[in-house]
Amino acid sequence: MSTEPNFINSDVNPLSLFKEWYEDAKKSEINDPNAMNLATISPNGKPSSRIVLLKSFNEQGFIFYTNSNSKKGKSIKNNTNVALNFHWKSLLKQIRIEGTVSIVENSEADKYYNSRPLGSRIGAWASKQSEELDDRSTLLNRVEEYEKKFEKTNISRPAHWNGYLVNPNLIEFWQDMPFRLHDRVEFKKQKDSWISRKLYP
């Protein structure tokens, strides 16, 4: 890697630039280049964050899947404003995203759910995500119960397990530079276009 990276191009579509950086990350990150921090706001106004996995993206935004009854699912139902952050140590780059969330179409969620390994599909039924668990054996017993239930039938997607699309209204690209004089470009969406500006490090 060059010690003097090229400066971020502020004259491009940020989603195209995201794809370029993401493809680079897939080649260099050892684990989960699609890992992203998702920050939400609880009903009492407190922020909460966790790592989730990006499963796909397009011109509309960034898609992940989760249990809608989980802490993040309930927070999103209350407040659709969220933030994402990708941090790729191998590239010395990060991307910060702000936007609003909507649930993807059932057909899209079904397609992704059906592509998952059997154990993951069973797990979506067995886990009461974010609820208190008295003992690990309780979870494993629930897994066994659903394995028996779906032993001779197709495993349908649980109604509480959904895909979420984060539609961005702000995307900031950051890359490390010597002496902490980092290179930053922010893109803000205005109607159907993106307006960019450089930021001090």
N, C-alpha and C. Protein backbone atom coordinates (compact mmCIF):
# COMPACT_ATOMS: atom_id res chain seq x y z
N MET A 1 0.85 -1.20 0.00
CA MET A 1 0.00 0.00 0.00
C MET A 1 0.88 1.25 0.00
N SER A 2 0.51 2.18 -0.83
CA SER A 2 1.28 3.42 -0.90
C SER A 2 1.10 4.23 0.37
N THR A 3 2.18 4.90 0.79
CA THR A 3 2.08 5.75 1.98
C THR A 3 1.40 7.07 1.65
N GLU A 4 1.28 7.36 0.37
CA GLU A 4 0.61 8.59 -0.07
C GLU A 4 -0.56 8.21 -0.97
N PRO A 5 -1.72 7.86 -0.40
CA PRO A 5 -2.86 7.43 -1.22
C PRO A 5 -3.41 8.56 -2.06
N ASN A 6 -4.09 8.18 -3.12
CA ASN A 6 -4.74 9.18 -3.96
C ASN A 6 -5.83 9.88 -3.14
N PHE A 7 -6.00 11.16 -3.37
CA PHE A 7 -7.04 11.88 -2.67
C PHE A 7 -8.41 11.42 -3.15
N ILE A 8 -9.39 11.51 -2.27
CA ILE A 8 -10.75 11.07 -2.59
C ILE A 8 -11.35 11.98 -3.66
N ASN A 9 -11.94 11.37 -4.66
CA ASN A 9 -12.57 12.11 -5.75
C ASN A 9 -13.94 12.58 -5.30
N SER A 10 -14.14 13.89 -5.26
CA SER A 10 -15.41 14.46 -4.81
C SER A 10 -16.39 14.69 -5.96
N ASP A 11 -15.98 14.31 -7.18
CA ASP A 11 -16.82 14.55 -8.35
C ASP A 11 -17.49 13.28 -8.87
N VAL A 12 -17.62 12.27 -8.03
CA VAL A 12 -18.22 11.01 -8.46
C VAL A 12 -19.51 10.74 -7.69
N ASN A 13 -20.26 9.75 -8.14
CA ASN A 13 -21.43 9.30 -7.40
C ASN A 13 -20.93 8.54 -6.17
N PRO A 14 -21.36 8.91 -4.96
CA PRO A 14 -20.82 8.27 -3.77
C PRO A 14 -21.11 6.77 -3.70
N LEU A 15 -22.20 6.32 -4.30
CA LEU A 15 -22.50 4.90 -4.28
C LEU A 15 -21.55 4.13 -5.19
N SER A 16 -21.11 4.76 -6.27
CA SER A 16 -20.09 4.15 -7.12
C SER A 16 -18.75 4.09 -6.40
N LEU A 17 -18.44 5.16 -5.66
CA LEU A 17 -17.19 5.18 -4.89
C LEU A 17 -17.26 4.15 -3.76
N PHE A 18 -18.43 4.00 -3.13
CA PHE A 18 -18.58 2.97 -2.10
C PHE A 18 -18.28 1.59 -2.70
N LYS A 19 -18.84 1.30 -3.86
CA LYS A 19 -18.62 0.01 -4.49
C LYS A 19 -17.13 -0.23 -4.75
N GLU A 20 -16.44 0.80 -5.18
CA GLU A 20 -14.99 0.68 -5.45
C GLU A 20 -14.22 0.35 -4.17
N TRP A 21 -14.51 1.08 -3.10
CA TRP A 21 -13.83 0.82 -1.82
C TRP A 21 -14.21 -0.54 -1.26
N TYR A 22 -15.48 -0.91 -1.39
CA TYR A 22 -15.95 -2.18 -0.86
C TYR A 22 -15.29 -3.35 -1.58
N GLU A 23 -15.15 -3.23 -2.88
CA GLU A 23 -14.47 -4.29 -3.64
C GLU A 23 -13.01 -4.42 -3.19
N ASP A 24 -12.36 -3.31 -2.91
CA ASP A 24 -10.99 -3.35 -2.39
C ASP A 24 -10.95 -4.03 -1.02
N ALA A 25 -11.94 -3.71 -0.19
CA ALA A 25 -11.99 -4.29 1.16
C ALA A 25 -12.18 -5.80 1.10
N LYS A 26 -12.98 -6.28 0.15
CA LYS A 26 -13.22 -7.71 0.04
C LYS A 26 -11.95 -8.48 -0.30
N LYS A 27 -10.98 -7.78 -0.90
CA LYS A 27 -9.71 -8.41 -1.25
C LYS A 27 -8.70 -8.38 -0.11
N SER A 28 -8.86 -7.43 0.82
CA SER A 28 -7.82 -7.22 1.83
C SER A 28 -8.21 -7.52 3.26
N GLU A 29 -9.52 -7.39 3.59
CA GLU A 29 -9.95 -7.63 4.96
C GLU A 29 -9.98 -9.14 5.25
N ILE A 30 -9.40 -9.55 6.37
CA ILE A 30 -9.33 -10.97 6.71
C ILE A 30 -10.71 -11.52 7.02
N ASN A 31 -11.48 -10.78 7.82
CA ASN A 31 -12.81 -11.23 8.23
C ASN A 31 -13.87 -10.19 7.94
N ASP A 32 -14.98 -10.63 7.37
CA ASP A 32 -16.19 -9.81 7.24
C ASP A 32 -15.96 -8.39 6.73
N PRO A 33 -15.56 -8.22 5.48
CA PRO A 33 -15.46 -6.87 4.92
C PRO A 33 -16.81 -6.18 4.86
N ASN A 34 -17.89 -6.97 4.99
CA ASN A 34 -19.25 -6.40 4.96
C ASN A 34 -19.76 -6.03 6.35
N ALA A 35 -18.90 -6.12 7.36
CA ALA A 35 -19.30 -5.74 8.72
C ALA A 35 -19.46 -4.23 8.81
N MET A 36 -20.55 -3.80 9.41
CA MET A 36 -20.79 -2.37 9.56
C MET A 36 -21.43 -2.10 10.91
N ASN A 37 -21.08 -0.98 11.49
CA ASN A 37 -21.69 -0.57 12.75
C ASN A 37 -23.01 0.11 12.43
N LEU A 38 -24.06 -0.36 13.09
CA LEU A 38 -25.39 0.22 12.93
C LEU A 38 -25.78 0.92 14.23
N ALA A 39 -26.04 2.21 14.16
CA ALA A 39 -26.45 2.98 15.33
C ALA A 39 -27.92 3.36 15.19
N THR A 40 -28.67 3.14 16.28
CA THR A 40 -30.09 3.46 16.31
C THR A 40 -30.40 4.30 17.55
N ILE A 41 -31.60 4.82 17.60
CA ILE A 41 -32.06 5.62 18.74
C ILE A 41 -33.23 4.90 19.40
N SER A 42 -33.11 4.68 20.71
CA SER A 42 -34.16 3.97 21.45
C SER A 42 -35.37 4.88 21.66
N PRO A 43 -36.51 4.29 22.06
CA PRO A 43 -37.71 5.11 22.30
C PRO A 43 -37.50 6.20 23.35
N ASN A 44 -36.53 6.02 24.28
CA ASN A 44 -36.27 7.06 25.27
C ASN A 44 -35.12 7.98 24.86
N GLY A 45 -34.76 7.92 23.57
CA GLY A 45 -33.79 8.88 23.03
C GLY A 45 -32.33 8.52 23.22
N LYS A 46 -32.03 7.29 23.66
CA LYS A 46 -30.64 6.90 23.87
C LYS A 46 -30.08 6.17 22.65
N PRO A 47 -28.83 6.51 22.25
CA PRO A 47 -28.23 5.82 21.11
C PRO A 47 -27.75 4.43 21.51
N SER A 48 -27.74 3.54 20.54
CA SER A 48 -27.23 2.19 20.75
C SER A 48 -26.61 1.73 19.44
N SER A 49 -25.51 0.99 19.51
CA SER A 49 -24.87 0.53 18.28
C SER A 49 -24.44 -0.91 18.41
N ARG A 50 -24.30 -1.56 17.25
CA ARG A 50 -23.85 -2.93 17.18
C ARG A 50 -23.36 -3.20 15.76
N ILE A 51 -22.61 -4.30 15.59
CA ILE A 51 -22.13 -4.67 14.28
C ILE A 51 -23.14 -5.59 13.61
N VAL A 52 -23.52 -5.26 12.38
CA VAL A 52 -24.36 -6.13 11.56
C VAL A 52 -23.65 -6.33 10.23
N LEU A 53 -24.20 -7.20 9.40
CA LEU A 53 -23.55 -7.50 8.12
C LEU A 53 -24.35 -6.95 6.95
N LEU A 54 -23.68 -6.22 6.10
CA LEU A 54 -24.29 -5.75 4.85
C LEU A 54 -24.49 -6.96 3.94
N LYS A 55 -25.69 -7.14 3.43
CA LYS A 55 -25.95 -8.28 2.56
C LYS A 55 -26.07 -7.90 1.09
N SER A 56 -26.44 -6.68 0.83
CA SER A 56 -26.47 -6.19 -0.55
C SER A 56 -26.61 -4.68 -0.53
N PHE A 57 -26.36 -4.06 -1.66
CA PHE A 57 -26.56 -2.62 -1.79
C PHE A 57 -26.85 -2.29 -3.24
N ASN A 58 -27.53 -1.17 -3.44
CA ASN A 58 -27.87 -0.71 -4.78
C ASN A 58 -28.01 0.81 -4.73
N GLU A 59 -28.58 1.39 -5.76
CA GLU A 59 -28.72 2.84 -5.82
C GLU A 59 -29.66 3.38 -4.74
N GLN A 60 -30.53 2.49 -4.22
CA GLN A 60 -31.46 2.92 -3.18
C GLN A 60 -30.82 2.90 -1.79
N GLY A 61 -29.81 2.06 -1.60
CA GLY A 61 -29.16 2.03 -0.30
C GLY A 61 -28.57 0.70 0.08
N PHE A 62 -28.50 0.45 1.40
CA PHE A 62 -27.74 -0.65 1.98
C PHE A 62 -28.68 -1.57 2.76
N ILE A 63 -28.59 -2.87 2.50
CA ILE A 63 -29.56 -3.82 3.04
C ILE A 63 -28.92 -4.77 4.04
N PHE A 64 -29.58 -4.92 5.20
CA PHE A 64 -29.20 -5.92 6.18
C PHE A 64 -30.48 -6.60 6.66
N TYR A 65 -30.31 -7.71 7.39
CA TYR A 65 -31.46 -8.49 7.86
C TYR A 65 -31.37 -8.68 9.37
N THR A 66 -32.54 -8.69 10.02
CA THR A 66 -32.54 -8.89 11.46
C THR A 66 -33.94 -9.25 11.95
N ASN A 67 -34.00 -9.63 13.21
CA ASN A 67 -35.25 -9.90 13.90
C ASN A 67 -35.90 -8.57 14.27
N SER A 68 -37.10 -8.34 13.78
CA SER A 68 -37.78 -7.07 14.04
C SER A 68 -38.18 -6.89 15.49
N ASN A 69 -38.16 -7.98 16.26
CA ASN A 69 -38.48 -7.90 17.69
C ASN A 69 -37.24 -7.65 18.55
N SER A 70 -36.08 -7.54 17.91
CA SER A 70 -34.84 -7.29 18.64
C SER A 70 -34.79 -5.83 19.10
N LYS A 71 -33.78 -5.52 19.89
CA LYS A 71 -33.63 -4.15 20.37
C LYS A 71 -33.51 -3.17 19.21
N LYS A 72 -32.69 -3.52 18.22
CA LYS A 72 -32.53 -2.61 17.08
C LYS A 72 -33.80 -2.52 16.24
N GLY A 73 -34.52 -3.68 16.13
CA GLY A 73 -35.77 -3.67 15.38
C GLY A 73 -36.80 -2.76 16.00
N LYS A 74 -36.90 -2.81 17.33
CA LYS A 74 -37.85 -1.95 18.03
C LYS A 74 -37.43 -0.48 17.94
N SER A 75 -36.12 -0.22 18.01
CA SER A 75 -35.65 1.16 17.90
C SER A 75 -35.95 1.73 16.52
N ILE A 76 -35.74 0.90 15.49
CA ILE A 76 -36.00 1.34 14.12
C ILE A 76 -37.49 1.63 13.92
N LYS A 77 -38.34 0.79 14.50
CA LYS A 77 -39.80 1.02 14.39
C LYS A 77 -40.18 2.35 15.00
N ASN A 78 -39.50 2.72 16.08
CA ASN A 78 -39.78 3.98 16.77
C ASN A 78 -39.17 5.18 16.06
N ASN A 79 -37.97 5.00 15.51
CA ASN A 79 -37.24 6.11 14.87
C ASN A 79 -36.46 5.55 13.69
N THR A 80 -36.83 5.93 12.50
CA THR A 80 -36.22 5.35 11.29
C THR A 80 -34.89 5.99 10.92
N ASN A 81 -34.44 6.98 11.68
CA ASN A 81 -33.14 7.59 11.42
C ASN A 81 -32.04 6.72 12.03
N VAL A 82 -31.07 6.32 11.19
CA VAL A 82 -29.98 5.47 11.65
C VAL A 82 -28.66 5.96 11.07
N ALA A 83 -27.56 5.39 11.57
CA ALA A 83 -26.23 5.68 11.03
C ALA A 83 -25.48 4.37 10.86
N LEU A 84 -24.68 4.30 9.81
CA LEU A 84 -23.82 3.14 9.54
C LEU A 84 -22.37 3.60 9.51
N ASN A 85 -21.46 2.68 9.82
CA ASN A 85 -20.05 2.99 9.69
C ASN A 85 -19.29 1.73 9.27
N PHE A 86 -18.55 1.84 8.18
CA PHE A 86 -17.64 0.79 7.74
C PHE A 86 -16.23 1.23 8.09
N HIS A 87 -15.46 0.36 8.73
CA HIS A 87 -14.08 0.67 9.06
C HIS A 87 -13.21 -0.48 8.58
N TRP A 88 -12.37 -0.20 7.59
CA TRP A 88 -11.49 -1.23 7.03
C TRP A 88 -10.05 -0.92 7.39
N LYS A 89 -9.55 -1.62 8.41
CA LYS A 89 -8.19 -1.37 8.87
C LYS A 89 -7.15 -1.65 7.80
N SER A 90 -7.39 -2.67 7.00
CA SER A 90 -6.42 -3.03 5.98
C SER A 90 -6.24 -1.95 4.93
N LEU A 91 -7.29 -1.13 4.73
CA LEU A 91 -7.24 -0.05 3.75
C LEU A 91 -6.95 1.30 4.37
N LEU A 92 -7.03 1.36 5.71
CA LEU A 92 -6.93 2.64 6.41
C LEU A 92 -8.01 3.61 5.92
N LYS A 93 -9.21 3.05 5.78
CA LYS A 93 -10.33 3.83 5.28
C LYS A 93 -11.59 3.53 6.08
N GLN A 94 -12.50 4.50 6.11
CA GLN A 94 -13.82 4.26 6.67
C GLN A 94 -14.85 5.07 5.91
N ILE A 95 -16.10 4.59 5.99
CA ILE A 95 -17.22 5.28 5.35
C ILE A 95 -18.33 5.43 6.38
N ARG A 96 -18.78 6.65 6.56
CA ARG A 96 -19.84 6.96 7.51
C ARG A 96 -21.10 7.32 6.74
N ILE A 97 -22.23 6.73 7.14
CA ILE A 97 -23.48 6.90 6.40
C ILE A 97 -24.60 7.27 7.36
N GLU A 98 -25.42 8.24 6.98
CA GLU A 98 -26.63 8.58 7.71
C GLU A 98 -27.81 8.44 6.76
N GLY A 99 -28.94 7.93 7.29
CA GLY A 99 -30.08 7.77 6.41
C GLY A 99 -31.30 7.31 7.17
N THR A 100 -32.31 6.92 6.42
CA THR A 100 -33.56 6.43 7.00
C THR A 100 -33.80 4.99 6.53
N VAL A 101 -34.52 4.24 7.38
CA VAL A 101 -34.71 2.81 7.15
C VAL A 101 -36.14 2.50 6.72
N SER A 102 -36.25 1.54 5.82
CA SER A 102 -37.56 0.97 5.47
C SER A 102 -37.39 -0.54 5.33
N ILE A 103 -38.48 -1.27 5.51
CA ILE A 103 -38.44 -2.73 5.39
C ILE A 103 -38.54 -3.12 3.92
N VAL A 104 -37.73 -4.06 3.49
CA VAL A 104 -37.73 -4.49 2.08
C VAL A 104 -38.98 -5.32 1.79
N GLU A 105 -39.25 -5.52 0.53
CA GLU A 105 -40.40 -6.32 0.12
C GLU A 105 -40.27 -7.76 0.64
N ASN A 106 -41.41 -8.38 0.95
CA ASN A 106 -41.40 -9.75 1.45
C ASN A 106 -40.69 -10.70 0.49
N SER A 107 -40.91 -10.51 -0.80
CA SER A 107 -40.30 -11.41 -1.79
C SER A 107 -38.78 -11.34 -1.73
N GLU A 108 -38.24 -10.15 -1.50
CA GLU A 108 -36.80 -10.00 -1.40
C GLU A 108 -36.26 -10.65 -0.13
N ALA A 109 -36.98 -10.46 0.97
CA ALA A 109 -36.58 -11.07 2.23
C ALA A 109 -36.67 -12.60 2.15
N ASP A 110 -37.72 -13.09 1.51
CA ASP A 110 -37.88 -14.54 1.34
C ASP A 110 -36.73 -15.13 0.54
N LYS A 111 -36.36 -14.44 -0.52
CA LYS A 111 -35.28 -14.93 -1.39
C LYS A 111 -33.97 -15.04 -0.62
N TYR A 112 -33.65 -14.00 0.17
CA TYR A 112 -32.41 -14.06 0.93
C TYR A 112 -32.50 -15.12 2.04
N TYR A 113 -33.63 -15.16 2.75
CA TYR A 113 -33.81 -16.13 3.83
C TYR A 113 -33.61 -17.56 3.32
N ASN A 114 -34.18 -17.86 2.17
CA ASN A 114 -34.09 -19.20 1.61
C ASN A 114 -32.69 -19.54 1.11
N SER A 115 -31.84 -18.54 0.95
CA SER A 115 -30.46 -18.78 0.52
C SER A 115 -29.53 -19.09 1.70
N ARG A 116 -30.03 -18.89 2.91
CA ARG A 116 -29.19 -19.07 4.10
C ARG A 116 -29.03 -20.57 4.42
N PRO A 117 -27.95 -20.92 5.14
CA PRO A 117 -27.78 -22.31 5.57
C PRO A 117 -28.95 -22.75 6.46
N LEU A 118 -29.20 -24.04 6.48
CA LEU A 118 -30.31 -24.57 7.26
C LEU A 118 -30.25 -24.13 8.72
N GLY A 119 -29.07 -24.22 9.33
CA GLY A 119 -28.93 -23.84 10.73
C GLY A 119 -29.29 -22.39 10.99
N SER A 120 -28.97 -21.52 10.04
CA SER A 120 -29.29 -20.10 10.21
C SER A 120 -30.78 -19.86 10.09
N ARG A 121 -31.45 -20.61 9.21
CA ARG A 121 -32.90 -20.47 9.07
C ARG A 121 -33.62 -20.96 10.33
N ILE A 122 -33.12 -22.07 10.88
CA ILE A 122 -33.68 -22.57 12.13
C ILE A 122 -33.44 -21.56 13.25
N GLY A 123 -32.24 -21.00 13.28
CA GLY A 123 -31.88 -20.04 14.32
C GLY A 123 -32.78 -18.81 14.33
N ALA A 124 -33.24 -18.41 13.16
CA ALA A 124 -34.13 -17.25 13.08
C ALA A 124 -35.45 -17.52 13.80
N TRP A 125 -35.88 -18.77 13.81
CA TRP A 125 -37.08 -19.15 14.53
C TRP A 125 -36.80 -19.34 16.02
N ALA A 126 -35.65 -19.94 16.34
CA ALA A 126 -35.37 -20.35 17.72
C ALA A 126 -34.97 -19.20 18.63
N SER A 127 -34.33 -18.18 18.07
CA SER A 127 -33.81 -17.10 18.91
C SER A 127 -34.84 -16.01 19.16
N LYS A 128 -35.08 -15.72 20.42
CA LYS A 128 -35.89 -14.56 20.81
C LYS A 128 -34.92 -13.38 20.98
N GLN A 129 -34.43 -12.89 19.88
CA GLN A 129 -33.30 -11.97 19.88
C GLN A 129 -33.49 -10.79 20.83
N SER A 130 -32.49 -10.55 21.66
CA SER A 130 -32.42 -9.45 22.63
C SER A 130 -33.19 -9.70 23.92
N GLU A 131 -33.98 -10.78 23.98
CA GLU A 131 -34.67 -11.10 25.23
C GLU A 131 -33.71 -11.84 26.17
N GLU A 132 -34.02 -11.83 27.46
CA GLU A 132 -33.16 -12.49 28.44
C GLU A 132 -33.18 -14.01 28.23
N LEU A 133 -31.99 -14.62 28.31
CA LEU A 133 -31.82 -16.07 28.17
C LEU A 133 -31.34 -16.63 29.50
N ASP A 134 -32.12 -17.52 30.09
CA ASP A 134 -31.74 -18.04 31.41
C ASP A 134 -30.57 -19.00 31.35
N ASP A 135 -30.48 -19.77 30.26
CA ASP A 135 -29.41 -20.75 30.14
C ASP A 135 -29.24 -21.13 28.67
N ARG A 136 -28.02 -21.42 28.27
CA ARG A 136 -27.75 -21.77 26.88
C ARG A 136 -28.57 -22.99 26.44
N SER A 137 -28.82 -23.91 27.37
CA SER A 137 -29.57 -25.12 27.04
C SER A 137 -30.98 -24.80 26.57
N THR A 138 -31.55 -23.70 27.08
CA THR A 138 -32.89 -23.29 26.66
C THR A 138 -32.90 -22.96 25.17
N LEU A 139 -31.89 -22.26 24.73
CA LEU A 139 -31.78 -21.93 23.31
C LEU A 139 -31.60 -23.19 22.47
N LEU A 140 -30.71 -24.07 22.91
CA LEU A 140 -30.45 -25.30 22.16
C LEU A 140 -31.69 -26.18 22.10
N ASN A 141 -32.47 -26.19 23.16
CA ASN A 141 -33.73 -26.95 23.16
C ASN A 141 -34.71 -26.37 22.14
N ARG A 142 -34.74 -25.05 22.04
CA ARG A 142 -35.62 -24.40 21.06
C ARG A 142 -35.16 -24.74 19.64
N VAL A 143 -33.86 -24.79 19.44
CA VAL A 143 -33.34 -25.18 18.13
C VAL A 143 -33.81 -26.58 17.78
N GLU A 144 -33.72 -27.51 18.72
CA GLU A 144 -34.17 -28.89 18.49
C GLU A 144 -35.66 -28.94 18.18
N GLU A 145 -36.43 -28.15 18.89
CA GLU A 145 -37.88 -28.12 18.67
C GLU A 145 -38.22 -27.71 17.23
N TYR A 146 -37.53 -26.67 16.75
CA TYR A 146 -37.82 -26.19 15.40
C TYR A 146 -37.23 -27.10 14.34
N GLU A 147 -36.14 -27.79 14.66
CA GLU A 147 -35.59 -28.78 13.72
C GLU A 147 -36.62 -29.89 13.50
N LYS A 148 -37.27 -30.33 14.58
CA LYS A 148 -38.31 -31.36 14.47
C LYS A 148 -39.53 -30.83 13.74
N LYS A 149 -39.91 -29.61 14.06
CA LYS A 149 -41.09 -29.02 13.43
C LYS A 149 -40.96 -28.94 11.92
N PHE A 150 -39.76 -28.56 11.46
CA PHE A 150 -39.54 -28.36 10.03
C PHE A 150 -38.82 -29.55 9.37
N GLU A 151 -38.81 -30.69 10.07
CA GLU A 151 -38.08 -31.85 9.56
C GLU A 151 -38.60 -32.33 8.21
N LYS A 152 -39.92 -32.25 8.03
CA LYS A 152 -40.51 -32.79 6.80
C LYS A 152 -41.26 -31.73 6.01
N THR A 153 -40.92 -30.48 6.25
CA THR A 153 -41.59 -29.40 5.53
C THR A 153 -40.61 -28.26 5.28
N ASN A 154 -40.96 -27.42 4.34
CA ASN A 154 -40.11 -26.27 4.05
C ASN A 154 -40.11 -25.29 5.23
N ILE A 155 -38.98 -24.65 5.44
CA ILE A 155 -38.87 -23.68 6.53
C ILE A 155 -39.22 -22.30 5.97
N SER A 156 -40.38 -21.82 6.33
CA SER A 156 -40.79 -20.49 5.88
C SER A 156 -40.09 -19.41 6.69
N ARG A 157 -39.97 -18.24 6.12
CA ARG A 157 -39.35 -17.11 6.83
C ARG A 157 -40.29 -16.64 7.94
N PRO A 158 -39.76 -16.47 9.16
CA PRO A 158 -40.60 -15.93 10.24
C PRO A 158 -41.07 -14.52 9.90
N ALA A 159 -42.30 -14.20 10.26
CA ALA A 159 -42.83 -12.86 9.96
C ALA A 159 -42.05 -11.77 10.67
N HIS A 160 -41.38 -12.13 11.77
CA HIS A 160 -40.63 -11.13 12.54
C HIS A 160 -39.19 -10.98 12.05
N TRP A 161 -38.80 -11.70 11.00
CA TRP A 161 -37.43 -11.64 10.49
C TRP A 161 -37.47 -10.94 9.14
N ASN A 162 -36.87 -9.74 9.08
CA ASN A 162 -37.04 -8.90 7.90
C ASN A 162 -35.73 -8.31 7.38
N GLY A 163 -35.82 -7.83 6.15
CA GLY A 163 -34.72 -7.08 5.58
C GLY A 163 -34.97 -5.60 5.72
N TYR A 164 -33.89 -4.85 5.94
CA TYR A 164 -33.99 -3.40 6.14
C TYR A 164 -33.09 -2.68 5.13
N LEU A 165 -33.66 -1.69 4.49
CA LEU A 165 -32.93 -0.86 3.54
C LEU A 165 -32.63 0.49 4.16
N VAL A 166 -31.35 0.81 4.26
CA VAL A 166 -30.94 2.14 4.73
C VAL A 166 -30.75 3.03 3.51
N ASN A 167 -31.66 3.97 3.35
CA ASN A 167 -31.57 4.91 2.23
C ASN A 167 -30.75 6.10 2.68
N PRO A 168 -29.56 6.30 2.12
CA PRO A 168 -28.65 7.33 2.64
C PRO A 168 -29.02 8.74 2.22
N ASN A 169 -28.83 9.67 3.15
CA ASN A 169 -28.92 11.09 2.78
C ASN A 169 -27.58 11.79 3.03
N LEU A 170 -26.64 11.07 3.64
CA LEU A 170 -25.28 11.58 3.84
C LEU A 170 -24.31 10.40 3.79
N ILE A 171 -23.23 10.55 3.02
CA ILE A 171 -22.17 9.55 2.97
C ILE A 171 -20.83 10.27 3.05
N GLU A 172 -20.04 9.91 4.05
CA GLU A 172 -18.73 10.53 4.21
C GLU A 172 -17.63 9.49 4.04
N PHE A 173 -16.65 9.82 3.19
CA PHE A 173 -15.50 8.96 2.96
C PHE A 173 -14.29 9.54 3.69
N TRP A 174 -13.57 8.67 4.37
CA TRP A 174 -12.41 9.07 5.19
C TRP A 174 -11.25 8.14 4.87
N GLN A 175 -10.08 8.71 4.67
CA GLN A 175 -8.90 7.87 4.53
C GLN A 175 -7.73 8.47 5.29
N ASP A 176 -6.96 7.58 5.86
CA ASP A 176 -5.82 7.97 6.68
C ASP A 176 -4.76 8.67 5.85
N MET A 177 -4.17 9.71 6.43
CA MET A 177 -3.08 10.44 5.80
C MET A 177 -2.00 10.71 6.86
N PRO A 178 -0.78 10.96 6.43
CA PRO A 178 0.30 11.20 7.40
C PRO A 178 0.00 12.36 8.33
N PHE A 179 0.49 12.23 9.56
CA PHE A 179 0.39 13.27 10.59
C PHE A 179 -1.06 13.60 10.94
N ARG A 180 -1.94 12.63 10.73
CA ARG A 180 -3.37 12.76 11.05
C ARG A 180 -4.06 13.88 10.25
N LEU A 181 -3.46 14.24 9.13
CA LEU A 181 -4.08 15.22 8.23
C LEU A 181 -4.93 14.45 7.23
N HIS A 182 -5.93 13.78 7.76
CA HIS A 182 -6.71 12.82 6.99
C HIS A 182 -7.51 13.50 5.87
N ASP A 183 -7.84 12.70 4.87
CA ASP A 183 -8.60 13.17 3.72
C ASP A 183 -10.07 12.78 3.92
N ARG A 184 -10.96 13.77 3.88
CA ARG A 184 -12.39 13.53 4.11
C ARG A 184 -13.23 14.23 3.05
N VAL A 185 -14.21 13.51 2.53
CA VAL A 185 -15.18 14.09 1.60
C VAL A 185 -16.58 13.67 2.03
N GLU A 186 -17.46 14.65 2.14
CA GLU A 186 -18.84 14.40 2.54
C GLU A 186 -19.76 14.65 1.36
N PHE A 187 -20.68 13.71 1.14
CA PHE A 187 -21.71 13.84 0.11
C PHE A 187 -23.07 13.96 0.80
N LYS A 188 -23.83 15.00 0.48
CA LYS A 188 -25.18 15.16 1.02
C LYS A 188 -26.18 15.12 -0.14
N LYS A 189 -27.27 14.40 0.10
CA LYS A 189 -28.28 14.27 -0.94
C LYS A 189 -29.22 15.45 -0.91
N GLN A 190 -29.41 16.07 -2.06
CA GLN A 190 -30.37 17.17 -2.21
C GLN A 190 -31.27 16.83 -3.38
N LYS A 191 -32.53 16.49 -3.05
CA LYS A 191 -33.48 16.00 -4.05
C LYS A 191 -32.91 14.74 -4.69
N ASP A 192 -32.60 14.77 -5.99
CA ASP A 192 -32.10 13.56 -6.65
C ASP A 192 -30.61 13.64 -6.98
N SER A 193 -29.91 14.56 -6.37
CA SER A 193 -28.48 14.70 -6.68
C SER A 193 -27.67 14.74 -5.38
N TRP A 194 -26.37 14.55 -5.54
CA TRP A 194 -25.45 14.57 -4.41
C TRP A 194 -24.56 15.81 -4.49
N ILE A 195 -24.44 16.50 -3.37
CA ILE A 195 -23.57 17.67 -3.27
C ILE A 195 -22.38 17.30 -2.37
N SER A 196 -21.18 17.53 -2.86
CA SER A 196 -19.99 17.12 -2.10
C SER A 196 -19.23 18.32 -1.58
N ARG A 197 -18.48 18.07 -0.51
CA ARG A 197 -17.57 19.09 0.02
C ARG A 197 -16.45 18.38 0.78
N LYS A 198 -15.28 18.99 0.76
CA LYS A 198 -14.16 18.51 1.54
C LYS A 198 -14.33 18.95 3.00
N LEU A 199 -13.82 18.16 3.94
CA LEU A 199 -13.90 18.49 5.35
C LEU A 199 -12.49 18.52 5.95
N TYR A 200 -12.27 19.39 6.93
CA TYR A 200 -11.03 19.36 7.68
C TYR A 200 -10.94 18.00 8.39
N PRO A 201 -9.71 17.50 8.59
CA PRO A 201 -9.56 16.23 9.30
C PRO A 201 -9.93 16.34 10.78
